[in-house]
PDB file of N, CA and C in Angstrom:
ATOM      1  N   MET A   1     122.610  85.641  61.010  1.00  0.00           N
ATOM      2  CA  MET A   1     122.652  86.461  62.082  1.00  0.00           C
ATOM      3  C   MET A   1     121.425  86.438  62.999  1.00  0.00           C
ATOM      4  N   ASN A   2     120.194  86.114  62.358  1.00  0.00           N
ATOM      5  CA  ASN A   2     119.113  85.910  63.428  1.00  0.00           C
ATOM      6  C   ASN A   2     119.195  84.545  64.021  1.00  0.00           C
ATOM      7  N   ASP A   3     119.320  84.562  65.428  1.00  0.00           N
ATOM      8  CA  ASP A   3     119.346  83.442  66.264  1.00  0.00           C
ATOM      9  C   ASP A   3     117.915  82.927  66.596  1.00  0.00           C
ATOM     10  N   PRO A   4     117.469  81.819  66.026  1.00  0.00           N
ATOM     11  CA  PRO A   4     116.118  81.397  66.344  1.00  0.00           C
ATOM     12  C   PRO A   4     115.678  81.261  67.816  1.00  0.00           C
ATOM     13  N   GLU A   5     116.796  80.801  68.542  1.00  0.00           N
ATOM     14  CA  GLU A   5     116.683  80.693  70.043  1.00  0.00           C
ATOM     15  C   GLU A   5     116.453  82.020  70.581  1.00  0.00           C
ATOM     16  N   MET A   6     117.052  83.158  70.231  1.00  0.00           N
ATOM     17  CA  MET A   6     116.885  84.563  70.778  1.00  0.00           C
ATOM     18  C   MET A   6     115.431  85.044  70.533  1.00  0.00           C
ATOM     19  N   TYR A   7     115.063  84.680  69.203  1.00  0.00           N
ATOM     20  CA  TYR A   7     113.419  84.967  68.871  1.00  0.00           C
ATOM     21  C   TYR A   7     112.533  84.388  69.746  1.00  0.00           C
ATOM     22  N   SER A   8     112.810  83.041  69.900  1.00  0.00           N
ATOM     23  CA  SER A   8     111.839  82.327  70.827  1.00  0.00           C
ATOM     24  C   SER A   8     111.688  82.980  72.175  1.00  0.00           C
ATOM     25  N   GLN A   9     113.046  83.286  72.879  1.00  0.00           N
ATOM     26  CA  GLN A   9     112.989  83.750  74.253  1.00  0.00           C
ATOM     27  C   GLN A   9     112.317  85.118  74.309  1.00  0.00           C
ATOM     28  N   GLU A  10     112.578  86.004  73.270  1.00  0.00           N
ATOM     29  CA  GLU A  10     111.910  87.385  73.216  1.00  0.00           C
ATOM     30  C   GLU A  10     110.346  86.978  72.939  1.00  0.00           C
ATOM     31  N   HIS A  11     110.083  86.025  72.303  1.00  0.00           N
ATOM     32  CA  HIS A  11     108.520  85.680  72.130  1.00  0.00           C
ATOM     33  C   HIS A  11     107.924  85.293  73.299  1.00  0.00           C
ATOM     34  N   ASP A  12     108.685  84.594  74.066  1.00  0.00           N
ATOM     35  CA  ASP A  12     108.230  83.861  75.401  1.00  0.00           C
ATOM     36  C   ASP A  12     107.969  84.951  76.315  1.00  0.00           C
ATOM     37  N   GLU A  13     108.972  86.017  76.336  1.00  0.00           N
ATOM     38  CA  GLU A  13     108.891  87.206  77.222  1.00  0.00           C
ATOM     39  C   GLU A  13     107.817  87.974  77.005  1.00  0.00           C
ATOM     40  N   MET A  14     107.538  88.075  75.620  1.00  0.00           N
ATOM     41  CA  MET A  14     106.430  88.968  75.230  1.00  0.00           C
ATOM     42  C   MET A  14     105.158  88.329  75.754  1.00  0.00           C
ATOM     43  N   ASP A  15     104.880  87.075  75.622  1.00  0.00           N
ATOM     44  CA  ASP A  15     103.658  86.122  76.060  1.00  0.00           C
ATOM     45  C   ASP A  15     103.515  86.558  77.434  1.00  0.00           C
ATOM     46  N   GLU A  16     104.581  86.434  78.308  1.00  0.00           N
ATOM     47  CA  GLU A  16     104.580  86.716  79.834  1.00  0.00           C
ATOM     48  C   GLU A  16     104.088  88.102  79.962  1.00  0.00           C
ATOM     49  N   CYS A  17     104.690  89.242  79.179  1.00  0.00           N
ATOM     50  CA  CYS A  17     104.256  90.533  79.381  1.00  0.00           C
ATOM     51  C   CYS A  17     102.627  90.666  79.017  1.00  0.00           C
ATOM     52  N   VAL A  18     102.286  90.096  78.088  1.00  0.00           N
ATOM     53  CA  VAL A  18     100.915  90.241  77.611  1.00  0.00           C
ATOM     54  C   VAL A  18      99.950  89.591  78.881  1.00  0.00           C
ATOM     55  N   GLN A  19     100.304  88.421  79.323  1.00  0.00           N
ATOM     56  CA  GLN A  19      99.498  87.702  80.360  1.00  0.00           C
ATOM     57  C   GLN A  19      99.512  88.597  81.569  1.00  0.00           C
ATOM     58  N   ALA A  20     100.789  89.214  82.142  1.00  0.00           N
ATOM     59  CA  ALA A  20     100.893  89.931  83.128  1.00  0.00           C
ATOM     60  C   ALA A  20     100.098  91.154  83.081  1.00  0.00           C
ATOM     61  N   LEU A  21     100.076  91.744  81.993  1.00  0.00           N
ATOM     62  CA  LEU A  21      99.489  93.185  81.814  1.00  0.00           C
ATOM     63  C   LEU A  21      97.904  93.077  81.718  1.00  0.00           C
ATOM     64  N   SER A  22      97.541  91.843  81.123  1.00  0.00           N
ATOM     65  CA  SER A  22      96.105  91.575  80.998  1.00  0.00           C
ATOM     66  C   SER A  22      95.543  91.340  82.397  1.00  0.00           C
ATOM     67  N   ARG A  23      96.345  91.034  83.383  1.00  0.00           N
ATOM     68  CA  ARG A  23      95.655  90.899  84.733  1.00  0.00           C
ATOM     69  C   ARG A  23      95.987  91.974  85.763  1.00  0.00           C
ATOM     70  N   VAL A  24      96.674  92.967  85.203  1.00  0.00           N
ATOM     71  CA  VAL A  24      97.011  94.129  86.053  1.00  0.00           C
ATOM     72  C   VAL A  24      95.842  94.733  87.033  1.00  0.00           C
ATOM     73  N   HIS A  25      94.866  95.046  86.245  1.00  0.00           N
ATOM     74  CA  HIS A  25      93.698  95.644  86.851  1.00  0.00           C
ATOM     75  C   HIS A  25      93.087  94.769  88.010  1.00  0.00           C
ATOM     76  N   ALA A  26      93.053  93.311  87.707  1.00  0.00           N
ATOM     77  CA  ALA A  26      92.631  92.433  88.753  1.00  0.00           C
ATOM     78  C   ALA A  26      93.461  92.376  89.984  1.00  0.00           C
ATOM     79  N   PHE A  27      94.787  92.578  89.563  1.00  0.00           N
ATOM     80  CA  PHE A  27      95.737  92.535  90.639  1.00  0.00           C
ATOM     81  C   PHE A  27      95.721  93.794  91.460  1.00  0.00           C
ATOM     82  N   LEU A  28      95.445  94.925  90.832  1.00  0.00           N
ATOM     83  CA  LEU A  28      95.238  96.105  91.541  1.00  0.00           C
ATOM     84  C   LEU A  28      94.177  96.096  92.455  1.00  0.00           C
ATOM     85  N   ARG A  29      93.071  95.458  92.075  1.00  0.00           N
ATOM     86  CA  ARG A  29      91.942  95.372  92.933  1.00  0.00           C
ATOM     87  C   ARG A  29      91.970  94.198  93.905  1.00  0.00           C
ATOM     88  N   ASN A  30      93.039  93.509  93.964  1.00  0.00           N
ATOM     89  CA  ASN A  30      93.277  92.251  94.947  1.00  0.00           C
ATOM     90  C   ASN A  30      92.290  91.274  94.698  1.00  0.00           C
ATOM     91  N   GLU A  31      91.994  91.117  93.389  1.00  0.00           N
ATOM     92  CA  GLU A  31      91.037  90.024  92.939  1.00  0.00           C
ATOM     93  C   GLU A  31      91.688  88.592  92.580  1.00  0.00           C
ATOM     94  N   LEU A  32      93.169  88.578  92.667  1.00  0.00           N
ATOM     95  CA  LEU A  32      93.901  87.359  92.178  1.00  0.00           C
ATOM     96  C   LEU A  32      94.150  86.477  93.450  1.00  0.00           C
ATOM     97  N   VAL A  33      94.144  85.156  93.337  1.00  0.00           N
ATOM     98  CA  VAL A  33      94.451  84.388  94.336  1.00  0.00           C
ATOM     99  C   VAL A  33      95.940  84.681  94.614  1.00  0.00           C
ATOM    100  N   GLU A  34      96.471  84.341  95.762  1.00  0.00           N
ATOM    101  CA  GLU A  34      97.751  84.803  96.032  1.00  0.00           C
ATOM    102  C   GLU A  34      98.887  84.108  95.123  1.00  0.00           C
ATOM    103  N   ARG A  35      98.590  82.939  94.738  1.00  0.00           N
ATOM    104  CA  ARG A  35      99.530  82.341  93.867  1.00  0.00           C
ATOM    105  C   ARG A  35      99.780  83.074  92.423  1.00  0.00           C
ATOM    106  N   ASP A  36      98.652  83.517  91.904  1.00  0.00           N
ATOM    107  CA  ASP A  36      98.567  84.299  90.636  1.00  0.00           C
ATOM    108  C   ASP A  36      99.089  85.677  90.906  1.00  0.00           C
ATOM    109  N   ALA A  37      98.692  86.289  92.073  1.00  0.00           N
ATOM    110  CA  ALA A  37      99.421  87.652  92.451  1.00  0.00           C
ATOM    111  C   ALA A  37     100.963  87.513  92.521  1.00  0.00           C
ATOM    112  N   ASP A  38     101.390  86.291  92.942  1.00  0.00           N
ATOM    113  CA  ASP A  38     102.921  86.236  93.145  1.00  0.00           C
ATOM    114  C   ASP A  38     103.508  86.184  91.768  1.00  0.00           C
ATOM    115  N   ILE A  39     102.929  85.628  90.914  1.00  0.00           N
ATOM    116  CA  ILE A  39     103.350  85.442  89.451  1.00  0.00           C
ATOM    117  C   ILE A  39     103.419  86.872  88.972  1.00  0.00           C
ATOM    118  N   ILE A  40     102.479  87.663  89.186  1.00  0.00           N
ATOM    119  CA  ILE A  40     102.512  88.968  88.559  1.00  0.00           C
ATOM    120  C   ILE A  40     103.548  89.837  89.249  1.00  0.00           C
ATOM    121  N   ARG A  41     103.755  89.630  90.560  1.00  0.00           N
ATOM    122  CA  ARG A  41     104.710  90.340  91.242  1.00  0.00           C
ATOM    123  C   ARG A  41     106.171  90.226  90.681  1.00  0.00           C
ATOM    124  N   LEU A  42     106.333  88.866  90.605  1.00  0.00           N
ATOM    125  CA  LEU A  42     107.751  88.225  90.186  1.00  0.00           C
ATOM    126  C   LEU A  42     108.001  88.953  88.681  1.00  0.00           C
ATOM    127  N   HIS A  43     106.974  88.938  87.920  1.00  0.00           N
ATOM    128  CA  HIS A  43     107.148  89.400  86.452  1.00  0.00           C
ATOM    129  C   HIS A  43     107.375  90.978  86.549  1.00  0.00           C
ATOM    130  N   LEU A  44     106.670  91.637  87.215  1.00  0.00           N
ATOM    131  CA  LEU A  44     106.874  93.101  87.376  1.00  0.00           C
ATOM    132  C   LEU A  44     108.259  93.487  87.970  1.00  0.00           C
ATOM    133  N   HIS A  45     108.628  92.652  88.980  1.00  0.00           N
ATOM    134  CA  HIS A  45     110.208  93.099  89.373  1.00  0.00           C
ATOM    135  C   HIS A  45     111.111  92.632  88.335  1.00  0.00           C
ATOM    136  N   ALA A  46     110.913  91.740  87.470  1.00  0.00           N
ATOM    137  CA  ALA A  46     111.885  91.282  86.450  1.00  0.00           C
ATOM    138  C   ALA A  46     111.744  92.167  85.118  1.00  0.00           C
ATOM    139  N   CYS A  47     110.724  92.570  84.966  1.00  0.00           N
ATOM    140  CA  CYS A  47     110.402  93.441  83.599  1.00  0.00           C
ATOM    141  C   CYS A  47     110.159  94.791  83.833  1.00  0.00           C
ATOM    142  N   GLU A  48     111.012  95.721  83.477  1.00  0.00           N
ATOM    143  CA  GLU A  48     111.090  97.013  83.575  1.00  0.00           C
ATOM    144  C   GLU A  48     109.834  97.698  82.885  1.00  0.00           C
ATOM    145  N   ARG A  49     109.783  97.160  81.667  1.00  0.00           N
ATOM    146  CA  ARG A  49     108.677  97.747  80.712  1.00  0.00           C
ATOM    147  C   ARG A  49     107.353  97.659  81.360  1.00  0.00           C
ATOM    148  N   CYS A  50     106.998  96.474  81.826  1.00  0.00           N
ATOM    149  CA  CYS A  50     105.919  96.092  82.625  1.00  0.00           C
ATOM    150  C   CYS A  50     105.672  96.868  83.967  1.00  0.00           C
ATOM    151  N   MET A  51     106.788  96.987  84.640  1.00  0.00           N
ATOM    152  CA  MET A  51     106.633  97.734  85.814  1.00  0.00           C
ATOM    153  C   MET A  51     106.262  99.202  85.451  1.00  0.00           C
ATOM    154  N   GLU A  52     106.762  99.800  84.364  1.00  0.00           N
ATOM    155  CA  GLU A  52     106.459 101.145  84.019  1.00  0.00           C
ATOM    156  C   GLU A  52     104.980 101.202  83.669  1.00  0.00           C
ATOM    157  N   ASN A  53     104.402 100.296  83.038  1.00  0.00           N
ATOM    158  CA  ASN A  53     102.940 100.325  82.594  1.00  0.00           C
ATOM    159  C   ASN A  53     102.320  99.980  83.937  1.00  0.00           C
ATOM    160  N   PHE A  54     102.555  99.139  84.762  1.00  0.00           N
ATOM    161  CA  PHE A  54     101.850  98.852  86.060  1.00  0.00           C
ATOM    162  C   PHE A  54     101.850 100.246  87.044  1.00  0.00           C
ATOM    163  N   GLU A  55     102.965 100.856  86.861  1.00  0.00           N
ATOM    164  CA  GLU A  55     102.964 102.102  87.821  1.00  0.00           C
ATOM    165  C   GLU A  55     101.945 103.187  87.035  1.00  0.00           C
ATOM    166  N   ILE A  56     101.936 103.370  85.892  1.00  0.00           N
ATOM    167  CA  ILE A  56     100.957 104.224  85.214  1.00  0.00           C
ATOM    168  C   ILE A  56      99.516 103.759  85.561  1.00  0.00           C
ATOM    169  N   GLU A  57      99.116 102.487  85.430  1.00  0.00           N
ATOM    170  CA  GLU A  57      97.769 102.058  85.712  1.00  0.00           C
ATOM    171  C   GLU A  57      97.474 102.285  87.319  1.00  0.00           C
ATOM    172  N   SER A  58      98.547 102.002  88.020  1.00  0.00           N
ATOM    173  CA  SER A  58      98.290 102.180  89.482  1.00  0.00           C
ATOM    174  C   SER A  58      97.816 103.520  89.755  1.00  0.00           C
ATOM    175  N   THR A  59      98.614 104.559  89.253  1.00  0.00           N
ATOM    176  CA  THR A  59      98.437 106.021  89.417  1.00  0.00           C
ATOM    177  C   THR A  59      97.077 106.377  88.937  1.00  0.00           C
ATOM    178  N   ILE A  60      96.751 105.739  87.787  1.00  0.00           N
ATOM    179  CA  ILE A  60      95.266 106.253  87.197  1.00  0.00           C
ATOM    180  C   ILE A  60      94.275 105.460  88.177  1.00  0.00           C
ATOM    181  N   THR A  61      94.456 104.289  88.606  1.00  0.00           N
ATOM    182  CA  THR A  61      93.602 103.780  89.520  1.00  0.00           C
ATOM    183  C   THR A  61      93.334 104.508  90.613  1.00  0.00           C
ATOM    184  N   GLU A  62      94.366 104.965  91.358  1.00  0.00           N
ATOM    185  CA  GLU A  62      94.471 105.693  92.558  1.00  0.00           C
ATOM    186  C   GLU A  62      93.598 106.961  92.327  1.00  0.00           C
ATOM    187  N   MET A  63      93.912 107.834  91.300  1.00  0.00           N
ATOM    188  CA  MET A  63      93.276 109.010  90.993  1.00  0.00           C
ATOM    189  C   MET A  63      91.752 108.688  90.754  1.00  0.00           C
ATOM    190  N   ILE A  64      91.305 107.906  90.130  1.00  0.00           N
ATOM    191  CA  ILE A  64      90.036 107.512  89.984  1.00  0.00           C
ATOM    192  C   ILE A  64      89.321 107.196  91.129  1.00  0.00           C
ATOM    193  N   GLN A  65      89.924 106.315  92.124  1.00  0.00           N
ATOM    194  CA  GLN A  65      89.335 106.006  93.377  1.00  0.00           C
ATOM    195  C   GLN A  65      89.244 107.328  94.212  1.00  0.00           C
ATOM    196  N   ARG A  66      90.196 108.151  94.284  1.00  0.00           N
ATOM    197  CA  ARG A  66      90.167 109.395  95.060  1.00  0.00           C
ATOM    198  C   ARG A  66      89.130 110.224  94.645  1.00  0.00           C
ATOM    199  N   SER A  67      88.769 110.318  93.280  1.00  0.00           N
ATOM    200  CA  SER A  67      87.727 111.207  92.770  1.00  0.00           C
ATOM    201  C   SER A  67      86.423 110.740  92.992  1.00  0.00           C
ATOM    202  N   GLN A  68      86.231 109.549  93.399  1.00  0.00           N
ATOM    203  CA  GLN A  68      84.801 109.124  93.623  1.00  0.00           C
ATOM    204  C   GLN A  68      84.501 109.076  95.057  1.00  0.00           C
ATOM    205  N   PRO A  69      83.359 109.420  95.450  1.00  0.00           N
ATOM    206  CA  PRO A  69      83.035 109.394  96.822  1.00  0.00           C
ATOM    207  C   PRO A  69      82.858 108.008  97.334  1.00  0.00           C
ATOM    208  N   GLU A  70      83.001 107.839  98.447  1.00  0.00           N
ATOM    209  CA  GLU A  70      82.872 106.414  99.105  1.00  0.00           C
ATOM    210  C   GLU A  70      81.518 106.019  99.043  1.00  0.00           C
ATOM    211  N   PRO A  71      81.238 104.931  98.402  1.00  0.00           N
ATOM    212  CA  PRO A  71      79.786 104.328  98.319  1.00  0.00           C
ATOM    213  C   PRO A  71      79.296 103.825  99.650  1.00  0.00           C
ATOM    214  N   SER A  72      78.034 104.277  99.772  1.00  0.00           N
ATOM    215  CA  SER A  72      77.359 103.849 101.139  1.00  0.00           C
ATOM    216  C   SER A  72      75.913 103.445 100.779  1.00  0.00           C
ATOM    217  N   ALA A  73      75.425 102.719 101.760  1.00  0.00           N
ATOM    218  CA  ALA A  73      74.119 102.134 101.533  1.00  0.00           C
ATOM    219  C   ALA A  73      73.009 103.202 101.844  1.00  0.00           C
ATOM    220  N   PRO A  74      71.960 103.216 101.151  1.00  0.00           N
ATOM    221  CA  PRO A  74      70.985 104.012 101.739  1.00  0.00           C
ATOM    222  C   PRO A  74      70.446 103.914 103.221  1.00  0.00           C
ATOM    223  N   ALA A  75      70.277 104.996 103.944  1.00  0.00           N
ATOM    224  CA  ALA A  75      70.063 104.878 105.339  1.00  0.00           C
ATOM    225  C   ALA A  75      68.989 103.879 105.774  1.00  0.00           C
ATOM    226  N   THR A  76      67.896 103.772 104.933  1.00  0.00           N
ATOM    227  CA  THR A  76      66.939 102.735 105.136  1.00  0.00           C
ATOM    228  C   THR A  76      67.555 101.248 105.111  1.00  0.00           C
ATOM    229  N   LEU A  77      68.140 100.996 104.146  1.00  0.00           N
ATOM    230  CA  LEU A  77      68.866  99.761 104.065  1.00  0.00           C
ATOM    231  C   LEU A  77      69.915  99.558 105.194  1.00  0.00           C
ATOM    232  N   ALA A  78      70.601 100.390 105.453  1.00  0.00           N
ATOM    233  CA  ALA A  78      71.469 100.152 106.525  1.00  0.00           C
ATOM    234  C   ALA A  78      70.908 100.033 108.064  1.00  0.00           C
ATOM    235  N   ALA A  79      69.674 100.679 108.194  1.00  0.00           N
ATOM    236  CA  ALA A  79      69.007 100.352 109.251  1.00  0.00           C
ATOM    237  C   ALA A  79      68.412  99.123 109.422  1.00  0.00           C
ATOM    238  N   ARG A  80      67.844  98.557 108.295  1.00  0.00           N
ATOM    239  CA  ARG A  80      67.399  97.355 108.357  1.00  0.00           C
ATOM    240  C   ARG A  80      68.389  96.207 108.433  1.00  0.00           C
ATOM    241  N   VAL A  81      69.538  96.411 107.965  1.00  0.00           N
ATOM    242  CA  VAL A  81      70.697  95.483 108.247  1.00  0.00           C
ATOM    243  C   VAL A  81      71.034  95.396 109.745  1.00  0.00           C
ATOM    244  N   ARG A  82      71.215  96.666 110.304  1.00  0.00           N
ATOM    245  CA  ARG A  82      71.251  96.735 111.749  1.00  0.00           C
ATOM    246  C   ARG A  82      70.403  96.125 112.628  1.00  0.00           C
ATOM    247  N   ALA A  83      69.260  96.167 112.203  1.00  0.00           N
ATOM    248  CA  ALA A  83      68.093  95.628 113.039  1.00  0.00           C
ATOM    249  C   ALA A  83      68.168  94.086 112.798  1.00  0.00           C
ATOM    250  N   MET A  84      68.412  93.637 111.538  1.00  0.00           N
ATOM    251  CA  MET A  84      68.652  92.184 111.349  1.00  0.00           C
ATOM    252  C   MET A  84      69.736  91.640 112.189  1.00  0.00           C
ATOM    253  N   ARG A  85      70.823  92.336 112.331  1.00  0.00           N
ATOM    254  CA  ARG A  85      71.894  91.932 113.221  1.00  0.00           C
ATOM    255  C   ARG A  85      71.502  91.718 114.693  1.00  0.00           C
ATOM    256  N   ILE A  86      70.784  92.775 115.101  1.00  0.00           N
ATOM    257  CA  ILE A  86      70.303  92.602 116.589  1.00  0.00           C
ATOM    258  C   ILE A  86      69.438  91.568 116.902  1.00  0.00           C
ATOM    259  N   SER A  87      68.491  91.325 115.800  1.00  0.00           N
ATOM    260  CA  SER A  87      67.333  90.271 115.993  1.00  0.00           C
ATOM    261  C   SER A  87      67.926  88.891 115.932  1.00  0.00           C
ATOM    262  N   SER A  88      69.073  88.753 115.123  1.00  0.00           N
ATOM    263  CA  SER A  88      69.665  87.505 114.774  1.00  0.00           C
ATOM    264  C   SER A  88      70.474  86.998 116.146  1.00  0.00           C
ATOM    265  N   ARG A  89      70.995  87.965 116.912  1.00  0.00           N
ATOM    266  CA  ARG A  89      71.706  87.567 117.990  1.00  0.00           C
ATOM    267  C   ARG A  89      70.897  87.088 119.148  1.00  0.00           C
ATOM    268  N   HIS A  90      69.709  87.290 119.144  1.00  0.00           N
ATOM    269  CA  HIS A  90      68.806  86.964 120.342  1.00  0.00           C
ATOM    270  C   HIS A  90      68.411  85.611 120.197  1.00  0.00           C
TER     271      HIS A  90
END
């Protein structure tokens, strides 16, 4: 009754799921090269379970980003950088 080929296919799919989900955060932050991002996209479109996990992670990430103020440089640092830009153009 147990088809070894079926188990092997499920095992391979699980490996793909583990690999995809381990890179979801990097994918959400756009830290992957395009080829790797495409692999994640293809897997998410093909795997409903991973897509559900991705949607949860995506929602949590968005909520965290909205709850944090936009980071900004101290005023003195920003002024120094602007001064450097002006002086380097001359």
